[in-house]
Amino acid sequence: FRKEVNAMSYICLIGNEYGIVAASDSRETLGGGNYIDNRQKVFCDKKQGLVWACCGITKYSGKDYLRLVEFIMRDSATTFDQKLDYLERAICKVTAEAVESLGEKSAMDILVGRVSKRTMMIRMNFAKGQMERKVFFAPLALEGGSGKYLFPKMKLNEYKGLFLPDLKNFAHNRVESVIYKDRELSDK
């Protein structure tokens, strides 16, 4: 375990005319100011045309909420809208329960991409038992977590027209830049 200096977390979802990619840091805050940097926060289900990324409350009261999100998203017996409704109920409940012990950290961001006729992108922001859901269509870049405040928003001309391998590298480089900036600020 390492001692936490700054509780930064970051996820992004970037879509253009060629597809959609997601990227994230790997920080999992354990409490008591400790953290580890090996948590998977980006998931993909090619059969359903879904990609998603999560940050915020990962574990609470012995329950792993990233695994719960993954279970809901991978359930091929539910419709896409049902998945989003199940996520809303489950994560609103935990962020409401965790307010007393976690305060402002009782939050979770989930970014979901769905490839169909149009590439749909959804931002779900959960905090203190409330959820805000917004739907967008590509081309667009969505960001989540506290790391999204370290840089200006991505500009369309930076990622429009990039083929998927280049789009993936662009997203990865954005994550690395956010991590570097966070460490730089923490050292001051």
N, C-alpha and C. Protein backbone atom coordinates (compact mmCIF):
# COMPACT_ATOMS: atom_id res chain seq x y z
N PHE A 1 0.84 -1.19 0.00
CA PHE A 1 0.00 0.00 0.00
C PHE A 1 0.87 1.24 0.00
N ARG A 2 0.37 2.28 -0.60
CA ARG A 2 1.08 3.56 -0.56
C ARG A 2 0.18 4.57 0.12
N LYS A 3 0.80 5.56 0.71
CA LYS A 3 0.06 6.63 1.37
C LYS A 3 -0.44 7.60 0.33
N GLU A 4 -1.68 7.98 0.47
CA GLU A 4 -2.33 8.86 -0.49
C GLU A 4 -1.95 10.31 -0.24
N VAL A 5 -1.55 11.00 -1.27
CA VAL A 5 -1.30 12.43 -1.19
C VAL A 5 -2.52 13.16 -1.71
N ASN A 6 -3.01 12.72 -2.84
CA ASN A 6 -4.17 13.34 -3.47
C ASN A 6 -5.08 12.21 -3.95
N ALA A 7 -6.35 12.32 -3.69
CA ALA A 7 -7.30 11.25 -4.00
C ALA A 7 -7.84 11.36 -5.43
N MET A 8 -6.99 11.70 -6.37
CA MET A 8 -7.42 11.88 -7.75
C MET A 8 -7.78 10.55 -8.39
N SER A 9 -8.85 10.58 -9.17
CA SER A 9 -9.24 9.46 -10.01
C SER A 9 -9.69 10.05 -11.33
N TYR A 10 -9.55 9.28 -12.42
CA TYR A 10 -9.87 9.83 -13.73
C TYR A 10 -10.31 8.72 -14.67
N ILE A 11 -11.39 9.00 -15.41
CA ILE A 11 -11.87 8.12 -16.47
C ILE A 11 -12.24 8.98 -17.67
N CYS A 12 -12.16 8.40 -18.87
CA CYS A 12 -12.62 9.13 -20.05
C CYS A 12 -13.21 8.14 -21.05
N LEU A 13 -14.13 8.66 -21.84
CA LEU A 13 -14.80 7.91 -22.89
C LEU A 13 -14.79 8.82 -24.11
N ILE A 14 -14.19 8.33 -25.21
CA ILE A 14 -14.03 9.16 -26.39
C ILE A 14 -14.61 8.42 -27.59
N GLY A 15 -15.52 9.08 -28.28
CA GLY A 15 -16.14 8.48 -29.45
C GLY A 15 -16.00 9.38 -30.67
N ASN A 16 -15.80 8.75 -31.80
CA ASN A 16 -15.78 9.50 -33.07
C ASN A 16 -16.43 8.65 -34.15
N GLU A 17 -16.23 9.00 -35.41
CA GLU A 17 -16.89 8.30 -36.50
C GLU A 17 -16.41 6.86 -36.69
N TYR A 18 -15.29 6.47 -36.04
CA TYR A 18 -14.75 5.12 -36.20
C TYR A 18 -15.05 4.20 -35.02
N GLY A 19 -15.57 4.75 -33.94
CA GLY A 19 -15.86 3.91 -32.78
C GLY A 19 -15.71 4.67 -31.48
N ILE A 20 -15.47 3.91 -30.44
CA ILE A 20 -15.43 4.48 -29.10
C ILE A 20 -14.39 3.76 -28.26
N VAL A 21 -13.69 4.50 -27.41
CA VAL A 21 -12.71 3.92 -26.49
C VAL A 21 -12.91 4.51 -25.10
N ALA A 22 -12.45 3.77 -24.10
CA ALA A 22 -12.48 4.25 -22.72
C ALA A 22 -11.10 4.03 -22.12
N ALA A 23 -10.74 4.87 -21.16
CA ALA A 23 -9.45 4.75 -20.48
C ALA A 23 -9.61 5.27 -19.06
N SER A 24 -8.69 4.86 -18.19
CA SER A 24 -8.76 5.30 -16.79
C SER A 24 -7.40 5.16 -16.12
N ASP A 25 -7.30 5.80 -14.95
CA ASP A 25 -6.19 5.51 -14.07
C ASP A 25 -6.51 4.18 -13.39
N SER A 26 -5.67 3.74 -12.47
CA SER A 26 -5.92 2.45 -11.80
C SER A 26 -5.95 2.60 -10.29
N ARG A 27 -6.15 3.80 -9.79
CA ARG A 27 -6.12 4.03 -8.34
C ARG A 27 -7.38 3.52 -7.66
N GLU A 28 -7.15 2.79 -6.57
CA GLU A 28 -8.24 2.39 -5.68
C GLU A 28 -7.90 2.89 -4.29
N THR A 29 -8.72 3.80 -3.79
CA THR A 29 -8.51 4.35 -2.46
C THR A 29 -9.05 3.36 -1.44
N LEU A 30 -8.22 3.03 -0.44
CA LEU A 30 -8.57 2.00 0.52
C LEU A 30 -9.07 2.56 1.85
N GLY A 31 -8.91 3.84 2.07
CA GLY A 31 -9.28 4.43 3.36
C GLY A 31 -8.04 4.62 4.20
N GLY A 32 -8.15 5.49 5.18
CA GLY A 32 -7.00 5.77 6.03
C GLY A 32 -5.86 6.42 5.28
N GLY A 33 -6.15 6.99 4.12
CA GLY A 33 -5.12 7.64 3.33
C GLY A 33 -4.27 6.69 2.51
N ASN A 34 -4.64 5.41 2.44
CA ASN A 34 -3.87 4.42 1.68
C ASN A 34 -4.54 4.13 0.35
N TYR A 35 -3.72 3.73 -0.62
CA TYR A 35 -4.27 3.37 -1.92
C TYR A 35 -3.36 2.36 -2.60
N ILE A 36 -3.91 1.71 -3.62
CA ILE A 36 -3.13 0.85 -4.50
C ILE A 36 -3.42 1.31 -5.93
N ASP A 37 -2.50 1.04 -6.83
CA ASP A 37 -2.66 1.46 -8.22
C ASP A 37 -2.69 0.25 -9.15
N ASN A 38 -3.71 -0.60 -8.99
CA ASN A 38 -3.83 -1.74 -9.90
C ASN A 38 -5.29 -2.14 -10.12
N ARG A 39 -6.20 -1.20 -9.99
CA ARG A 39 -7.62 -1.51 -10.13
C ARG A 39 -8.10 -1.32 -11.56
N GLN A 40 -8.77 -2.33 -12.12
CA GLN A 40 -9.37 -2.21 -13.44
C GLN A 40 -10.66 -1.40 -13.31
N LYS A 41 -10.77 -0.34 -14.13
CA LYS A 41 -11.95 0.52 -14.10
C LYS A 41 -12.62 0.64 -15.46
N VAL A 42 -12.04 0.01 -16.48
CA VAL A 42 -12.59 0.05 -17.84
C VAL A 42 -12.97 -1.37 -18.25
N PHE A 43 -14.16 -1.50 -18.83
CA PHE A 43 -14.68 -2.81 -19.20
C PHE A 43 -15.32 -2.73 -20.59
N CYS A 44 -15.41 -3.88 -21.25
CA CYS A 44 -15.96 -3.93 -22.60
C CYS A 44 -16.73 -5.23 -22.78
N ASP A 45 -17.85 -5.15 -23.46
CA ASP A 45 -18.61 -6.34 -23.85
C ASP A 45 -18.89 -6.18 -25.35
N LYS A 46 -18.04 -6.79 -26.17
CA LYS A 46 -18.13 -6.61 -27.62
C LYS A 46 -19.43 -7.16 -28.19
N LYS A 47 -19.94 -8.26 -27.64
CA LYS A 47 -21.18 -8.85 -28.15
C LYS A 47 -22.35 -7.87 -28.03
N GLN A 48 -22.37 -7.09 -26.95
CA GLN A 48 -23.45 -6.13 -26.74
C GLN A 48 -23.10 -4.74 -27.26
N GLY A 49 -21.87 -4.56 -27.74
CA GLY A 49 -21.43 -3.26 -28.24
C GLY A 49 -21.31 -2.22 -27.14
N LEU A 50 -20.85 -2.65 -25.95
CA LEU A 50 -20.77 -1.75 -24.80
C LEU A 50 -19.34 -1.61 -24.30
N VAL A 51 -19.03 -0.41 -23.85
CA VAL A 51 -17.80 -0.13 -23.13
C VAL A 51 -18.18 0.81 -22.00
N TRP A 52 -17.56 0.64 -20.82
CA TRP A 52 -17.87 1.51 -19.70
C TRP A 52 -16.66 1.67 -18.80
N ALA A 53 -16.66 2.77 -18.07
CA ALA A 53 -15.59 3.09 -17.14
C ALA A 53 -16.23 3.65 -15.87
N CYS A 54 -15.64 3.33 -14.73
CA CYS A 54 -16.19 3.75 -13.43
C CYS A 54 -15.09 4.30 -12.54
N CYS A 55 -15.46 5.28 -11.72
CA CYS A 55 -14.56 5.73 -10.65
C CYS A 55 -15.40 6.29 -9.52
N GLY A 56 -14.79 6.38 -8.38
CA GLY A 56 -15.49 6.85 -7.18
C GLY A 56 -15.52 5.72 -6.17
N ILE A 57 -16.68 5.49 -5.56
CA ILE A 57 -16.81 4.40 -4.58
C ILE A 57 -16.59 3.09 -5.32
N THR A 58 -15.52 2.39 -4.99
CA THR A 58 -15.29 1.09 -5.61
C THR A 58 -15.70 -0.02 -4.65
N LYS A 59 -15.41 0.17 -3.37
CA LYS A 59 -15.80 -0.81 -2.35
C LYS A 59 -16.37 -0.05 -1.16
N TYR A 60 -17.43 -0.64 -0.59
CA TYR A 60 -18.02 -0.03 0.61
C TYR A 60 -18.74 -1.13 1.38
N SER A 61 -18.52 -1.18 2.67
CA SER A 61 -19.15 -2.18 3.55
C SER A 61 -18.98 -3.59 3.01
N GLY A 62 -17.77 -3.88 2.53
CA GLY A 62 -17.46 -5.23 2.07
C GLY A 62 -17.98 -5.59 0.69
N LYS A 63 -18.62 -4.66 0.01
CA LYS A 63 -19.17 -4.95 -1.31
C LYS A 63 -18.35 -4.23 -2.38
N ASP A 64 -18.04 -4.94 -3.45
CA ASP A 64 -17.25 -4.40 -4.55
C ASP A 64 -18.22 -3.87 -5.61
N TYR A 65 -18.33 -2.53 -5.70
CA TYR A 65 -19.31 -1.92 -6.59
C TYR A 65 -18.88 -1.92 -8.06
N LEU A 66 -17.59 -2.01 -8.32
CA LEU A 66 -17.17 -2.14 -9.72
C LEU A 66 -17.58 -3.51 -10.27
N ARG A 67 -17.50 -4.52 -9.44
CA ARG A 67 -17.95 -5.86 -9.86
C ARG A 67 -19.46 -5.87 -10.07
N LEU A 68 -20.20 -5.16 -9.20
CA LEU A 68 -21.65 -5.08 -9.37
C LEU A 68 -22.00 -4.39 -10.70
N VAL A 69 -21.33 -3.28 -10.99
CA VAL A 69 -21.56 -2.58 -12.26
C VAL A 69 -21.25 -3.52 -13.42
N GLU A 70 -20.14 -4.22 -13.33
CA GLU A 70 -19.77 -5.15 -14.41
C GLU A 70 -20.82 -6.25 -14.57
N PHE A 71 -21.32 -6.80 -13.48
CA PHE A 71 -22.34 -7.83 -13.53
C PHE A 71 -23.60 -7.32 -14.24
N ILE A 72 -24.05 -6.13 -13.85
CA ILE A 72 -25.25 -5.54 -14.46
C ILE A 72 -25.03 -5.30 -15.95
N MET A 73 -23.90 -4.74 -16.31
CA MET A 73 -23.65 -4.40 -17.72
C MET A 73 -23.49 -5.64 -18.60
N ARG A 74 -22.93 -6.70 -18.06
CA ARG A 74 -22.71 -7.92 -18.86
C ARG A 74 -23.94 -8.81 -18.96
N ASP A 75 -24.98 -8.54 -18.19
CA ASP A 75 -26.18 -9.37 -18.19
C ASP A 75 -26.90 -9.25 -19.53
N SER A 76 -26.77 -10.25 -20.37
CA SER A 76 -27.35 -10.20 -21.71
C SER A 76 -28.87 -10.42 -21.70
N ALA A 77 -29.43 -10.76 -20.55
CA ALA A 77 -30.88 -10.97 -20.45
C ALA A 77 -31.63 -9.66 -20.19
N THR A 78 -30.91 -8.58 -19.95
CA THR A 78 -31.56 -7.30 -19.69
C THR A 78 -31.35 -6.34 -20.86
N THR A 79 -32.31 -5.46 -21.05
CA THR A 79 -32.17 -4.45 -22.10
C THR A 79 -31.18 -3.38 -21.64
N PHE A 80 -30.76 -2.57 -22.57
CA PHE A 80 -29.83 -1.49 -22.24
C PHE A 80 -30.47 -0.53 -21.23
N ASP A 81 -31.72 -0.15 -21.44
CA ASP A 81 -32.40 0.75 -20.50
C ASP A 81 -32.55 0.13 -19.12
N GLN A 82 -32.82 -1.18 -19.06
CA GLN A 82 -32.90 -1.85 -17.76
C GLN A 82 -31.56 -1.81 -17.03
N LYS A 83 -30.47 -2.00 -17.76
CA LYS A 83 -29.14 -1.93 -17.16
C LYS A 83 -28.94 -0.57 -16.47
N LEU A 84 -29.27 0.51 -17.20
CA LEU A 84 -29.09 1.85 -16.65
C LEU A 84 -29.98 2.08 -15.43
N ASP A 85 -31.21 1.56 -15.47
CA ASP A 85 -32.11 1.68 -14.32
C ASP A 85 -31.59 0.90 -13.11
N TYR A 86 -31.08 -0.31 -13.33
CA TYR A 86 -30.51 -1.10 -12.24
C TYR A 86 -29.30 -0.39 -11.62
N LEU A 87 -28.46 0.17 -12.50
CA LEU A 87 -27.30 0.92 -11.99
C LEU A 87 -27.76 2.11 -11.13
N GLU A 88 -28.75 2.82 -11.62
CA GLU A 88 -29.25 3.98 -10.88
C GLU A 88 -29.70 3.58 -9.48
N ARG A 89 -30.50 2.53 -9.37
CA ARG A 89 -30.99 2.11 -8.04
C ARG A 89 -29.85 1.67 -7.14
N ALA A 90 -28.96 0.84 -7.65
CA ALA A 90 -27.88 0.27 -6.83
C ALA A 90 -26.89 1.34 -6.37
N ILE A 91 -26.47 2.19 -7.26
CA ILE A 91 -25.42 3.15 -6.90
C ILE A 91 -26.01 4.33 -6.12
N CYS A 92 -27.23 4.74 -6.40
CA CYS A 92 -27.87 5.77 -5.57
C CYS A 92 -27.98 5.28 -4.13
N LYS A 93 -28.33 4.02 -3.97
CA LYS A 93 -28.48 3.45 -2.63
C LYS A 93 -27.16 3.51 -1.85
N VAL A 94 -26.07 3.06 -2.48
CA VAL A 94 -24.79 3.04 -1.75
C VAL A 94 -24.27 4.44 -1.50
N THR A 95 -24.44 5.36 -2.45
CA THR A 95 -23.93 6.72 -2.20
C THR A 95 -24.76 7.41 -1.12
N ALA A 96 -26.03 7.05 -0.97
CA ALA A 96 -26.85 7.59 0.12
C ALA A 96 -26.39 7.02 1.46
N GLU A 97 -26.14 5.71 1.50
CA GLU A 97 -25.71 5.06 2.74
C GLU A 97 -24.34 5.53 3.20
N ALA A 98 -23.46 5.84 2.25
CA ALA A 98 -22.07 6.16 2.57
C ALA A 98 -21.84 7.62 2.93
N VAL A 99 -22.85 8.47 2.82
CA VAL A 99 -22.67 9.90 3.07
C VAL A 99 -22.12 10.16 4.47
N GLU A 100 -22.66 9.48 5.47
CA GLU A 100 -22.24 9.73 6.85
C GLU A 100 -20.76 9.42 7.07
N SER A 101 -20.28 8.32 6.51
CA SER A 101 -18.88 7.95 6.73
C SER A 101 -17.91 8.54 5.72
N LEU A 102 -18.36 8.78 4.48
CA LEU A 102 -17.45 9.27 3.44
C LEU A 102 -17.64 10.74 3.08
N GLY A 103 -18.76 11.32 3.42
CA GLY A 103 -19.02 12.72 3.11
C GLY A 103 -19.01 12.97 1.61
N GLU A 104 -18.21 13.97 1.18
CA GLU A 104 -18.14 14.35 -0.23
C GLU A 104 -17.63 13.23 -1.12
N LYS A 105 -16.90 12.27 -0.55
CA LYS A 105 -16.37 11.16 -1.35
C LYS A 105 -17.42 10.09 -1.62
N SER A 106 -18.65 10.30 -1.15
CA SER A 106 -19.74 9.36 -1.41
C SER A 106 -20.29 9.62 -2.81
N ALA A 107 -19.48 9.27 -3.80
CA ALA A 107 -19.83 9.58 -5.19
C ALA A 107 -19.27 8.52 -6.12
N MET A 108 -19.85 8.46 -7.31
CA MET A 108 -19.35 7.56 -8.35
C MET A 108 -19.71 8.15 -9.71
N ASP A 109 -18.78 8.06 -10.65
CA ASP A 109 -19.04 8.44 -12.03
C ASP A 109 -18.99 7.17 -12.87
N ILE A 110 -19.97 7.02 -13.75
CA ILE A 110 -19.97 5.91 -14.71
C ILE A 110 -20.17 6.51 -16.09
N LEU A 111 -19.27 6.17 -17.01
CA LEU A 111 -19.39 6.58 -18.40
C LEU A 111 -19.64 5.34 -19.23
N VAL A 112 -20.68 5.36 -20.04
CA VAL A 112 -21.07 4.19 -20.83
C VAL A 112 -21.11 4.57 -22.30
N GLY A 113 -20.52 3.74 -23.12
CA GLY A 113 -20.59 3.90 -24.56
C GLY A 113 -21.31 2.72 -25.18
N ARG A 114 -22.16 3.01 -26.15
CA ARG A 114 -22.91 1.94 -26.83
C ARG A 114 -22.80 2.16 -28.33
N VAL A 115 -22.26 1.18 -29.01
CA VAL A 115 -22.12 1.27 -30.45
C VAL A 115 -23.35 0.62 -31.08
N SER A 116 -24.10 1.40 -31.80
CA SER A 116 -25.25 0.90 -32.56
C SER A 116 -25.31 1.73 -33.84
N LYS A 117 -26.48 2.10 -34.31
CA LYS A 117 -26.55 2.93 -35.51
C LYS A 117 -25.81 4.24 -35.31
N ARG A 118 -25.94 4.80 -34.12
CA ARG A 118 -25.19 5.99 -33.72
C ARG A 118 -24.46 5.65 -32.43
N THR A 119 -23.26 6.13 -32.27
CA THR A 119 -22.51 5.86 -31.05
C THR A 119 -23.05 6.73 -29.93
N MET A 120 -23.70 6.08 -28.97
CA MET A 120 -24.31 6.75 -27.84
C MET A 120 -23.33 6.76 -26.66
N MET A 121 -23.30 7.89 -25.96
CA MET A 121 -22.42 8.03 -24.80
C MET A 121 -23.26 8.57 -23.64
N ILE A 122 -23.12 7.94 -22.48
CA ILE A 122 -23.94 8.31 -21.33
C ILE A 122 -23.03 8.62 -20.15
N ARG A 123 -23.33 9.73 -19.50
CA ARG A 123 -22.62 10.11 -18.27
C ARG A 123 -23.61 9.95 -17.12
N MET A 124 -23.22 9.15 -16.13
CA MET A 124 -24.03 8.98 -14.92
C MET A 124 -23.18 9.46 -13.75
N ASN A 125 -23.60 10.56 -13.12
CA ASN A 125 -22.90 11.11 -11.97
C ASN A 125 -23.75 10.85 -10.73
N PHE A 126 -23.20 10.11 -9.78
CA PHE A 126 -23.88 9.77 -8.54
C PHE A 126 -23.22 10.51 -7.38
N ALA A 127 -24.01 11.09 -6.50
CA ALA A 127 -23.48 11.73 -5.30
C ALA A 127 -24.57 11.78 -4.24
N LYS A 128 -24.23 11.30 -3.07
CA LYS A 128 -25.10 11.40 -1.90
C LYS A 128 -26.53 10.92 -2.16
N GLY A 129 -26.68 9.82 -2.87
CA GLY A 129 -27.98 9.24 -3.12
C GLY A 129 -28.73 9.82 -4.30
N GLN A 130 -28.12 10.73 -5.03
CA GLN A 130 -28.74 11.35 -6.19
C GLN A 130 -27.96 10.96 -7.45
N MET A 131 -28.65 11.01 -8.60
CA MET A 131 -27.98 10.68 -9.85
C MET A 131 -28.43 11.65 -10.93
N GLU A 132 -27.45 12.06 -11.73
CA GLU A 132 -27.73 12.86 -12.92
C GLU A 132 -27.27 12.03 -14.11
N ARG A 133 -28.18 11.82 -15.07
CA ARG A 133 -27.88 11.03 -16.26
C ARG A 133 -28.05 11.92 -17.49
N LYS A 134 -27.02 11.94 -18.33
CA LYS A 134 -27.08 12.70 -19.58
C LYS A 134 -26.68 11.79 -20.73
N VAL A 135 -27.37 11.94 -21.85
CA VAL A 135 -27.11 11.14 -23.04
C VAL A 135 -26.54 12.05 -24.12
N PHE A 136 -25.48 11.58 -24.77
CA PHE A 136 -24.82 12.32 -25.85
C PHE A 136 -24.58 11.37 -27.02
N PHE A 137 -24.20 11.93 -28.14
CA PHE A 137 -23.83 11.12 -29.31
C PHE A 137 -22.46 11.56 -29.81
N ALA A 138 -21.69 10.58 -30.29
CA ALA A 138 -20.36 10.86 -30.81
C ALA A 138 -20.48 11.67 -32.09
N PRO A 139 -19.49 12.47 -32.40
CA PRO A 139 -18.19 12.58 -31.75
C PRO A 139 -18.25 13.44 -30.48
N LEU A 140 -17.60 12.91 -29.45
CA LEU A 140 -17.58 13.60 -28.16
C LEU A 140 -16.57 12.93 -27.25
N ALA A 141 -16.07 13.68 -26.29
CA ALA A 141 -15.21 13.13 -25.25
C ALA A 141 -15.84 13.47 -23.91
N LEU A 142 -16.06 12.44 -23.09
CA LEU A 142 -16.58 12.62 -21.74
C LEU A 142 -15.49 12.27 -20.74
N GLU A 143 -15.48 12.99 -19.63
CA GLU A 143 -14.50 12.73 -18.58
C GLU A 143 -15.21 12.63 -17.25
N GLY A 144 -14.64 11.86 -16.34
CA GLY A 144 -15.19 11.70 -15.01
C GLY A 144 -14.10 11.63 -13.96
N GLY A 145 -14.49 11.79 -12.70
CA GLY A 145 -13.54 11.77 -11.60
C GLY A 145 -12.96 13.15 -11.38
N SER A 146 -12.25 13.29 -10.27
CA SER A 146 -11.68 14.60 -9.93
C SER A 146 -10.57 15.02 -10.88
N GLY A 147 -9.94 14.07 -11.56
CA GLY A 147 -8.87 14.40 -12.50
C GLY A 147 -9.34 15.20 -13.70
N LYS A 148 -10.65 15.21 -13.96
CA LYS A 148 -11.15 15.94 -15.12
C LYS A 148 -10.96 17.45 -14.99
N TYR A 149 -10.67 17.91 -13.79
CA TYR A 149 -10.48 19.34 -13.57
C TYR A 149 -9.04 19.80 -13.76
N LEU A 150 -8.12 18.86 -14.04
CA LEU A 150 -6.71 19.21 -14.16
C LEU A 150 -6.32 19.79 -15.52
N PHE A 151 -7.14 19.57 -16.53
CA PHE A 151 -6.85 20.04 -17.88
C PHE A 151 -8.12 20.60 -18.49
N PRO A 152 -7.98 21.47 -19.49
CA PRO A 152 -9.18 21.90 -20.23
C PRO A 152 -9.84 20.70 -20.91
N LYS A 153 -11.10 20.81 -21.25
CA LYS A 153 -11.79 19.73 -21.94
C LYS A 153 -11.12 19.45 -23.28
N MET A 154 -11.20 18.20 -23.70
CA MET A 154 -10.62 17.81 -24.99
C MET A 154 -11.40 18.49 -26.12
N LYS A 155 -10.67 18.91 -27.11
CA LYS A 155 -11.29 19.56 -28.27
C LYS A 155 -11.55 18.53 -29.37
N LEU A 156 -12.67 18.69 -30.05
CA LEU A 156 -13.09 17.76 -31.09
C LEU A 156 -12.00 17.53 -32.14
N ASN A 157 -11.30 18.58 -32.53
CA ASN A 157 -10.28 18.42 -33.58
C ASN A 157 -9.08 17.59 -33.11
N GLU A 158 -8.97 17.33 -31.79
CA GLU A 158 -7.87 16.51 -31.28
C GLU A 158 -8.11 15.02 -31.53
N TYR A 159 -9.37 14.60 -31.62
CA TYR A 159 -9.66 13.17 -31.74
C TYR A 159 -10.59 12.80 -32.92
N LYS A 160 -11.20 13.79 -33.56
CA LYS A 160 -12.06 13.49 -34.71
C LYS A 160 -11.18 12.98 -35.85
N GLY A 161 -11.61 11.92 -36.49
CA GLY A 161 -10.86 11.36 -37.61
C GLY A 161 -9.79 10.37 -37.22
N LEU A 162 -9.55 10.16 -35.93
CA LEU A 162 -8.54 9.18 -35.51
C LEU A 162 -9.11 7.77 -35.65
N PHE A 163 -8.36 6.89 -36.30
CA PHE A 163 -8.76 5.49 -36.35
C PHE A 163 -8.64 4.90 -34.94
N LEU A 164 -9.31 3.79 -34.70
CA LEU A 164 -9.39 3.26 -33.34
C LEU A 164 -8.05 3.06 -32.63
N PRO A 165 -7.02 2.50 -33.28
CA PRO A 165 -5.74 2.37 -32.56
C PRO A 165 -5.18 3.73 -32.11
N ASP A 166 -5.32 4.74 -32.96
CA ASP A 166 -4.85 6.08 -32.61
C ASP A 166 -5.74 6.72 -31.55
N LEU A 167 -7.03 6.45 -31.61
CA LEU A 167 -7.96 6.97 -30.61
C LEU A 167 -7.64 6.36 -29.24
N LYS A 168 -7.33 5.07 -29.24
CA LYS A 168 -6.94 4.39 -28.00
C LYS A 168 -5.67 5.02 -27.43
N ASN A 169 -4.68 5.27 -28.27
CA ASN A 169 -3.44 5.91 -27.82
C ASN A 169 -3.71 7.33 -27.31
N PHE A 170 -4.59 8.05 -27.97
CA PHE A 170 -4.95 9.40 -27.54
C PHE A 170 -5.55 9.36 -26.14
N ALA A 171 -6.48 8.43 -25.90
CA ALA A 171 -7.10 8.30 -24.58
C ALA A 171 -6.08 7.92 -23.52
N HIS A 172 -5.21 6.97 -23.86
CA HIS A 172 -4.16 6.54 -22.92
C HIS A 172 -3.23 7.71 -22.57
N ASN A 173 -2.85 8.48 -23.56
CA ASN A 173 -1.97 9.63 -23.32
C ASN A 173 -2.66 10.67 -22.45
N ARG A 174 -3.96 10.85 -22.62
CA ARG A 174 -4.71 11.79 -21.78
C ARG A 174 -4.67 11.33 -20.32
N VAL A 175 -4.89 10.05 -20.09
CA VAL A 175 -4.84 9.51 -18.73
C VAL A 175 -3.45 9.72 -18.13
N GLU A 176 -2.42 9.39 -18.88
CA GLU A 176 -1.05 9.55 -18.39
C GLU A 176 -0.75 11.02 -18.07
N SER A 177 -1.23 11.94 -18.88
CA SER A 177 -1.02 13.37 -18.62
C SER A 177 -1.72 13.81 -17.35
N VAL A 178 -2.92 13.31 -17.11
CA VAL A 178 -3.67 13.66 -15.90
C VAL A 178 -2.94 13.11 -14.66
N ILE A 179 -2.48 11.86 -14.74
CA ILE A 179 -1.74 11.26 -13.61
C ILE A 179 -0.48 12.07 -13.32
N TYR A 180 0.26 12.40 -14.37
CA TYR A 180 1.50 13.18 -14.20
C TYR A 180 1.20 14.54 -13.56
N LYS A 181 0.16 15.22 -14.03
CA LYS A 181 -0.21 16.53 -13.50
C LYS A 181 -0.61 16.43 -12.03
N ASP A 182 -1.34 15.38 -11.69
CA ASP A 182 -1.75 15.16 -10.30
C ASP A 182 -0.53 14.97 -9.41
N ARG A 183 0.43 14.17 -9.85
CA ARG A 183 1.66 13.96 -9.06
C ARG A 183 2.46 15.25 -8.93
N GLU A 184 2.52 16.00 -10.02
CA GLU A 184 3.22 17.28 -10.01
C GLU A 184 2.60 18.23 -8.99
N LEU A 185 1.28 18.31 -8.95
CA LEU A 185 0.59 19.17 -7.99
C LEU A 185 0.73 18.67 -6.57
N SER A 186 0.77 17.36 -6.39
CA SER A 186 0.91 16.77 -5.06
C SER A 186 2.27 17.03 -4.45
N ASP A 187 3.29 17.18 -5.31
CA ASP A 187 4.66 17.43 -4.84
C ASP A 187 4.88 18.86 -4.38
N LYS A 188 3.95 19.74 -4.71
CA LYS A 188 4.13 21.16 -4.35
C LYS A 188 3.76 21.42 -2.92
